[in-house]
C-alpha atoms as a PDB file:
ATOM      1  CA  GLY A   1      47.940-125.077  29.943  1.00  0.00           C
ATOM      2  CA  GLY A   2      44.188-124.552  30.098  1.00  0.00           C
ATOM      3  CA  GLU A   3      43.300-128.147  30.919  1.00  0.00           C
ATOM      4  CA  LYS A   4      42.412-129.505  34.334  1.00  0.00           C
ATOM      5  CA  GLN A   5      45.175-131.048  36.394  1.00  0.00           C
ATOM      6  CA  PRO A   6      45.824-134.555  35.001  1.00  0.00           C
ATOM      7  CA  PHE A   7      45.175-137.574  37.211  1.00  0.00           C
ATOM      8  CA  ALA A   8      48.811-138.592  36.677  1.00  0.00           C
ATOM      9  CA  LEU A   9      49.873-135.705  38.930  1.00  0.00           C
ATOM     10  CA  ALA A  10      47.299-136.199  41.696  1.00  0.00           C
ATOM     11  CA  ALA A  11      48.905-137.118  45.028  1.00  0.00           C
ATOM     12  CA  ARG A  12      47.852-137.402  48.661  1.00  0.00           C
ATOM     13  CA  ASN A  13      50.704-135.488  50.271  1.00  0.00           C
ATOM     14  CA  VAL A  14      52.063-133.237  47.505  1.00  0.00           C
ATOM     15  CA  ARG A  15      50.219-130.269  46.022  1.00  0.00           C
ATOM     16  CA  THR A  16      50.914-129.695  42.334  1.00  0.00           C
ATOM     17  CA  PRO A  17      50.231-126.248  40.846  1.00  0.00           C
ATOM     18  CA  SER A  18      48.370-126.182  37.542  1.00  0.00           C
ATOM     19  CA  ILE A  19      49.454-123.076  35.622  1.00  0.00           C
ATOM     20  CA  ARG A  20      47.540-121.634  32.671  1.00  0.00           C
ATOM     21  CA  SER A  21      50.223-119.008  32.037  1.00  0.00           C
ATOM     22  CA  LEU A  22      53.054-117.345  33.976  1.00  0.00           C
ATOM     23  CA  GLU A  23      51.320-113.977  33.743  1.00  0.00           C
ATOM     24  CA  ARG A  24      48.152-115.306  35.413  1.00  0.00           C
ATOM     25  CA  PHE A  25      49.968-117.209  38.169  1.00  0.00           C
ATOM     26  CA  GLN A  26      50.573-114.061  40.216  1.00  0.00           C
ATOM     27  CA  LEU A  27      48.905-112.071  42.970  1.00  0.00           C
ATOM     28  CA  LYS A  28      47.392-108.868  41.626  1.00  0.00           C
ATOM     29  CA  SER A  29      46.159-105.895  43.657  1.00  0.00           C
ATOM     30  CA  GLY A  30      46.281-102.107  43.682  1.00  0.00           C
ATOM     31  CA  ASP A  31      48.804-101.859  46.534  1.00  0.00           C
ATOM     32  CA  ASP A  32      50.782-105.006  45.821  1.00  0.00           C
ATOM     33  CA  LYS A  33      53.330-104.658  48.640  1.00  0.00           C
ATOM     34  CA  LYS A  34      50.703-104.054  51.343  1.00  0.00           C
ATOM     35  CA  PHE A  35      48.471-106.810  49.967  1.00  0.00           C
ATOM     36  CA  ARG A  36      51.269-109.391  50.022  1.00  0.00           C
ATOM     37  CA  SER A  37      52.258-108.338  53.533  1.00  0.00           C
ATOM     38  CA  THR A  38      48.687-108.771  54.779  1.00  0.00           C
ATOM     39  CA  ILE A  39      48.357-112.210  53.182  1.00  0.00           C
ATOM     40  CA  ASN A  40      51.671-113.291  54.723  1.00  0.00           C
ATOM     41  CA  GLU A  41      50.552-112.144  58.179  1.00  0.00           C
ATOM     42  CA  ILE A  42      47.327-114.141  57.900  1.00  0.00           C
ATOM     43  CA  THR A  43      49.000-117.320  56.667  1.00  0.00           C
ATOM     44  CA  ASP A  44      51.803-117.138  59.259  1.00  0.00           C
ATOM     45  CA  ALA A  45      49.509-116.419  62.219  1.00  0.00           C
ATOM     46  CA  LYS A  46      49.693-118.937  65.079  1.00  0.00           C
ATOM     47  CA  ARG A  47      46.396-120.481  66.173  1.00  0.00           C
ATOM     48  CA  SER A  48      45.484-121.329  69.759  1.00  0.00           C
ATOM     49  CA  ALA A  49      43.781-124.588  68.803  1.00  0.00           C
ATOM     50  CA  LYS A  50      44.657-127.178  66.175  1.00  0.00           C
ATOM     51  CA  ASN A  51      42.435-127.042  63.098  1.00  0.00           C
ATOM     52  CA  ASP A  52      43.413-129.384  60.268  1.00  0.00           C
ATOM     53  CA  LEU A  53      41.339-127.580  57.642  1.00  0.00           C
ATOM     54  CA  LEU A  54      42.691-124.161  58.574  1.00  0.00           C
ATOM     55  CA  SER A  55      46.248-125.523  58.654  1.00  0.00           C
ATOM     56  CA  PHE A  56      45.732-126.924  55.176  1.00  0.00           C
ATOM     57  CA  VAL A  57      44.503-123.551  53.874  1.00  0.00           C
ATOM     58  CA  GLN A  58      47.407-121.742  55.515  1.00  0.00           C
ATOM     59  CA  SER A  59      50.073-124.093  54.154  1.00  0.00           C
ATOM     60  CA  SER A  60      48.477-124.112  50.695  1.00  0.00           C
ATOM     61  CA  THR A  61      48.404-120.311  50.601  1.00  0.00           C
ATOM     62  CA  THR A  62      52.005-120.069  51.787  1.00  0.00           C
ATOM     63  CA  SER A  63      53.071-122.530  49.100  1.00  0.00           C
ATOM     64  CA  ALA A  64      51.122-120.649  46.415  1.00  0.00           C
ATOM     65  CA  LEU A  65      52.666-117.299  47.460  1.00  0.00           C
ATOM     66  CA  SER A  66      56.156-118.750  47.326  1.00  0.00           C
ATOM     67  CA  ALA A  67      55.568-120.357  43.916  1.00  0.00           C
ATOM     68  CA  SER A  68      54.027-117.137  42.589  1.00  0.00           C
ATOM     69  CA  ARG A  69      57.098-115.103  43.575  1.00  0.00           C
ATOM     70  CA  ARG A  70      59.497-117.593  41.977  1.00  0.00           C
ATOM     71  CA  ILE A  71      57.463-117.794  38.771  1.00  0.00           C
ATOM     72  CA  GLU A  72      57.150-114.008  38.576  1.00  0.00           C
ATOM     73  CA  LYS A  73      60.943-113.818  38.717  1.00  0.00           C
ATOM     74  CA  ALA A  74      61.251-116.540  36.078  1.00  0.00           C
ATOM     75  CA  ALA A  75      59.012-114.634  33.672  1.00  0.00           C
ATOM     76  CA  ALA A  76      60.999-111.440  34.102  1.00  0.00           C
ATOM     77  CA  ASN A  77      64.486-112.918  33.601  1.00  0.00           C
ATOM     78  CA  TYR A  78      63.906-115.349  30.730  1.00  0.00           C
ATOM     79  CA  LYS A  79      65.053-114.465  27.214  1.00  0.00           C
ATOM     80  CA  THR A  80      65.375-116.667  24.132  1.00  0.00           C
ATOM     81  CA  ASN A  81      66.229-116.354  20.463  1.00  0.00           C
ATOM     82  CA  VAL A  82      64.425-119.594  19.579  1.00  0.00           C
ATOM     83  CA  LYS A  83      61.373-119.112  17.371  1.00  0.00           C
ATOM     84  CA  TYR A  84      58.595-121.245  18.816  1.00  0.00           C
ATOM     85  CA  PRO A  85      55.674-122.125  16.509  1.00  0.00           C
ATOM     86  CA  GLN A  86      52.402-120.339  17.259  1.00  0.00           C
ATOM     87  CA  THR A  87      50.708-123.533  18.444  1.00  0.00           C
ATOM     88  CA  GLY A  88      49.243-124.482  21.787  1.00  0.00           C
ATOM     89  CA  LEU A  89      51.809-127.177  22.546  1.00  0.00           C
ATOM     90  CA  ALA A  90      54.762-124.997  21.546  1.00  0.00           C
ATOM     91  CA  GLN A  91      53.647-122.181  23.845  1.00  0.00           C
ATOM     92  CA  LYS A  92      53.224-124.643  26.731  1.00  0.00           C
ATOM     93  CA  LEU A  93      56.746-125.980  26.176  1.00  0.00           C
ATOM     94  CA  ARG A  94      58.083-122.430  26.004  1.00  0.00           C
ATOM     95  CA  THR A  95      56.608-121.861  29.465  1.00  0.00           C
ATOM     96  CA  VAL A  96      58.272-125.046  30.688  1.00  0.00           C
ATOM     97  CA  ALA A  97      61.601-123.821  29.285  1.00  0.00           C
ATOM     98  CA  GLN A  98      61.162-120.588  31.258  1.00  0.00           C
ATOM     99  CA  LEU A  99      60.519-122.492  34.478  1.00  0.00           C
ATOM    100  CA  ILE A 100      63.497-124.806  33.935  1.00  0.00           C
ATOM    101  CA  ASP A 101      65.742-121.817  33.296  1.00  0.00           C
ATOM    102  CA  ALA A 102      64.580-120.293  36.595  1.00  0.00           C
ATOM    103  CA  ASN A 103      66.146-123.259  38.458  1.00  0.00           C
ATOM    104  CA  LEU A 104      62.994-124.118  40.370  1.00  0.00           C
ATOM    105  CA  SER A 105      63.058-127.265  42.484  1.00  0.00           C
ATOM    106  CA  SER A 106      60.401-128.944  40.296  1.00  0.00           C
ATOM    107  CA  ARG A 107      61.544-132.242  38.779  1.00  0.00           C
ATOM    108  CA  ILE A 108      58.615-132.903  36.436  1.00  0.00           C
ATOM    109  CA  PHE A 109      56.670-130.614  34.092  1.00  0.00           C
ATOM    110  CA  TYR A 110      53.604-132.039  32.352  1.00  0.00           C
ATOM    111  CA  VAL A 111      51.863-130.697  29.247  1.00  0.00           C
ATOM    112  CA  THR A 112      49.268-132.242  26.946  1.00  0.00           C
ATOM    113  CA  LEU A 113      48.343-132.290  23.268  1.00  0.00           C
ATOM    114  CA  GLY A 114      44.810-133.465  22.533  1.00  0.00           C
ATOM    115  CA  GLY A 115      43.098-134.612  19.359  1.00  0.00           C
ATOM    116  CA  PHE A 116      44.545-138.102  18.921  1.00  0.00           C
ATOM    117  CA  ASP A 117      41.185-139.831  19.408  1.00  0.00           C
ATOM    118  CA  THR A 118      41.012-140.394  15.656  1.00  0.00           C
ATOM    119  CA  HIS A 119      37.996-142.642  15.108  1.00  0.00           C
ATOM    120  CA  SER A 120      37.401-141.103  11.675  1.00  0.00           C
ATOM    121  CA  GLN A 121      39.449-139.445   8.903  1.00  0.00           C
ATOM    122  CA  GLN A 122      42.619-140.332  10.742  1.00  0.00           C
ATOM    123  CA  ALA A 123      45.296-139.765   8.114  1.00  0.00           C
ATOM    124  CA  ALA A 124      45.069-135.969   7.782  1.00  0.00           C
ATOM    125  CA  ALA A 125      44.397-135.334  11.482  1.00  0.00           C
ATOM    126  CA  HIS A 126      47.246-137.548  12.640  1.00  0.00           C
ATOM    127  CA  SER A 127      49.665-135.948  10.184  1.00  0.00           C
ATOM    128  CA  ALA A 128      48.824-132.446  11.453  1.00  0.00           C
ATOM    129  CA  LEU A 129      49.111-133.493  15.099  1.00  0.00           C
ATOM    130  CA  MET A 130      52.489-135.127  14.584  1.00  0.00           C
ATOM    131  CA  ALA A 131      53.715-132.006  12.789  1.00  0.00           C
ATOM    132  CA  GLU A 132      52.643-129.877  15.758  1.00  0.00           C
ATOM    133  CA  PHE A 133      54.309-132.251  18.193  1.00  0.00           C
ATOM    134  CA  SER A 134      57.523-132.454  16.171  1.00  0.00           C
ATOM    135  CA  SER A 135      57.965-128.704  15.649  1.00  0.00           C
ATOM    136  CA  ALA A 136      57.159-127.876  19.290  1.00  0.00           C
ATOM    137  CA  ALA A 137      59.497-130.535  20.683  1.00  0.00           C
ATOM    138  CA  SER A 138      62.276-129.441  18.330  1.00  0.00           C
ATOM    139  CA  ALA A 139      62.015-125.810  19.442  1.00  0.00           C
ATOM    140  CA  PHE A 140      61.960-126.848  23.103  1.00  0.00           C
ATOM    141  CA  ILE A 141      65.096-128.988  22.804  1.00  0.00           C
ATOM    142  CA  GLU A 142      66.864-126.171  20.915  1.00  0.00           C
ATOM    143  CA  ASP A 143      65.881-123.678  23.630  1.00  0.00           C
ATOM    144  CA  ILE A 144      66.968-125.948  26.474  1.00  0.00           C
ATOM    145  CA  SER A 145      70.312-126.497  24.763  1.00  0.00           C
ATOM    146  CA  ALA A 146      70.818-122.772  24.173  1.00  0.00           C
ATOM    147  CA  HIS A 147      70.360-122.153  27.914  1.00  0.00           C
ATOM    148  CA  ASP A 148      72.856-124.911  28.843  1.00  0.00           C
ATOM    149  CA  HIS A 149      70.286-127.230  30.404  1.00  0.00           C
ATOM    150  CA  ALA A 150      70.570-130.043  27.844  1.00  0.00           C
ATOM    151  CA  ASP A 151      72.557-132.303  30.185  1.00  0.00           C
ATOM    152  CA  ARG A 152      69.786-132.385  32.786  1.00  0.00           C
ATOM    153  CA  VAL A 153      66.558-132.351  30.781  1.00  0.00           C
ATOM    154  CA  LEU A 154      64.735-135.304  29.230  1.00  0.00           C
ATOM    155  CA  LEU A 155      61.608-134.960  27.114  1.00  0.00           C
ATOM    156  CA  MET A 156      59.264-137.959  27.328  1.00  0.00           C
ATOM    157  CA  ALA A 157      56.084-138.208  25.257  1.00  0.00           C
ATOM    158  CA  PHE A 158      53.437-140.882  25.696  1.00  0.00           C
ATOM    159  CA  SER A 159      49.802-141.494  24.825  1.00  0.00           C
ATOM    160  CA  GLU A 160      47.122-142.514  27.294  1.00  0.00           C
ATOM    161  CA  PHE A 161      45.877-145.052  24.739  1.00  0.00           C
ATOM    162  CA  GLY A 162      47.040-146.541  21.452  1.00  0.00           C
ATOM    163  CA  ARG A 163      45.126-147.245  18.248  1.00  0.00           C
ATOM    164  CA  ARG A 164      43.857-150.510  16.835  1.00  0.00           C
ATOM    165  CA  VAL A 165      45.744-151.918  13.831  1.00  0.00           C
ATOM    166  CA  LYS A 166      42.763-152.414  11.529  1.00  0.00           C
ATOM    167  CA  GLU A 167      41.058-149.408   9.962  1.00  0.00           C
ATOM    168  CA  ASN A 168      37.361-148.958  10.813  1.00  0.00           C
ATOM    169  CA  ALA A 169      34.535-148.008   8.443  1.00  0.00           C
ATOM    170  CA  SER A 170      35.128-144.267   8.971  1.00  0.00           C
ATOM    171  CA  GLU A 171      38.706-144.224   7.701  1.00  0.00           C
ATOM    172  CA  GLY A 172      40.001-144.088  11.261  1.00  0.00           C
ATOM    173  CA  THR A 173      41.069-146.509  13.990  1.00  0.00           C
ATOM    174  CA  ASP A 174      39.577-147.367  17.347  1.00  0.00           C
ATOM    175  CA  HIS A 175      41.223-147.557  20.774  1.00  0.00           C
ATOM    176  CA  GLY A 176      44.147-149.947  21.074  1.00  0.00           C
ATOM    177  CA  ALA A 177      46.305-151.368  23.831  1.00  0.00           C
ATOM    178  CA  ALA A 178      49.810-150.172  22.902  1.00  0.00           C
ATOM    179  CA  ALA A 179      51.486-147.014  21.622  1.00  0.00           C
ATOM    180  CA  PRO A 180      55.032-145.742  21.084  1.00  0.00           C
ATOM    181  CA  MET A 181      56.832-143.518  23.564  1.00  0.00           C
ATOM    182  CA  TYR A 182      59.332-140.893  22.445  1.00  0.00           C
ATOM    183  CA  PHE A 183      62.402-139.687  24.319  1.00  0.00           C
ATOM    184  CA  ALA A 184      64.477-136.675  23.311  1.00  0.00           C
ATOM    185  CA  GLY A 185      67.514-135.100  24.915  1.00  0.00           C
ATOM    186  CA  LYS A 186      71.267-134.761  24.724  1.00  0.00           C
ATOM    187  CA  ASN A 187      71.951-137.904  26.761  1.00  0.00           C
ATOM    188  CA  VAL A 188      69.424-140.169  25.024  1.00  0.00           C
ATOM    189  CA  LYS A 189      70.893-143.131  23.162  1.00  0.00           C
ATOM    190  CA  THR A 190      69.066-143.002  19.842  1.00  0.00           C
ATOM    191  CA  GLY A 191      67.334-145.980  18.312  1.00  0.00           C
ATOM    192  CA  LEU A 192      64.518-148.363  19.122  1.00  0.00           C
ATOM    193  CA  ILE A 193      64.177-149.529  22.718  1.00  0.00           C
ATOM    194  CA  GLY A 194      62.578-152.942  23.063  1.00  0.00           C
ATOM    195  CA  LYS A 195      61.219-155.163  20.323  1.00  0.00           C
ATOM    196  CA  HIS A 196      59.504-153.785  17.240  1.00  0.00           C
ATOM    197  CA  PRO A 197      55.781-154.621  17.615  1.00  0.00           C
ATOM    198  CA  SER A 198      54.369-157.362  15.419  1.00  0.00           C
ATOM    199  CA  LEU A 199      51.509-156.529  13.035  1.00  0.00           C
ATOM    200  CA  THR A 200      50.439-160.177  12.893  1.00  0.00           C
ATOM    201  CA  ASP A 201      50.857-161.421  16.477  1.00  0.00           C
ATOM    202  CA  LEU A 202      48.025-159.385  17.988  1.00  0.00           C
ATOM    203  CA  SER A 203      45.879-159.473  21.107  1.00  0.00           C
ATOM    204  CA  ASP A 204      42.225-159.186  20.073  1.00  0.00           C
ATOM    205  CA  GLY A 205      43.244-156.968  17.163  1.00  0.00           C
ATOM    206  CA  ASP A 206      45.621-154.827  19.208  1.00  0.00           C
ATOM    207  CA  LEU A 207      49.381-154.508  19.302  1.00  0.00           C
ATOM    208  CA  LYS A 208      50.938-156.167  22.344  1.00  0.00           C
ATOM    209  CA  PHE A 209      52.758-153.750  24.619  1.00  0.00           C
ATOM    210  CA  HIS A 210      56.050-154.807  26.190  1.00  0.00           C
ATOM    211  CA  THR A 211      56.636-151.939  28.644  1.00  0.00           C
ATOM    212  CA  ASP A 212      54.225-150.242  31.060  1.00  0.00           C
ATOM    213  CA  PHE A 213      54.777-146.492  30.585  1.00  0.00           C
ATOM    214  CA  ARG A 214      54.646-145.994  34.394  1.00  0.00           C
ATOM    215  CA  GLN A 215      57.938-147.857  34.612  1.00  0.00           C
END
């Protein structure tokens, strides 16, 4: 998507590509074959002295070239009969479905849906957001199943913050301490996991969480 790389995917030793679209994650030049060859020669060149910064640039470029080639192939070979909604989240999940179908080595794909900071006029906004989430997730699961990947794909949705139980003066709610997580996939055992949160046993006006989402 168009957002910056989320902090959840920042790591010291692993570089995570942030892709706006498959079409833009490619090398483009007039003489594509010659251009790629030149870039490969530069990145593969042996240096007489060790230079950590230069080594980092070389390895990063090599990794980006390799990822670009795999993603270019994924975009060319992917076909689907599933009708994705014309929403931002749905188009992001369609891209994820393409990448999964390309059998890349990636284990985690991360997309976001903003707008849940509903301090005012929450009812209508929240209803529209949940409709976008539901329709996009439904299309994604249908697509994954149609391509025979349902046995190995799990969709997990979580919020970075919950909402307070009590409504504020602007017909919205303020930041809370707990929120539901959703799991979808062929191998998910349906139902509620954990205890249903109490609306009376609160912590400073907030629901009490029972599971850290990082677990």
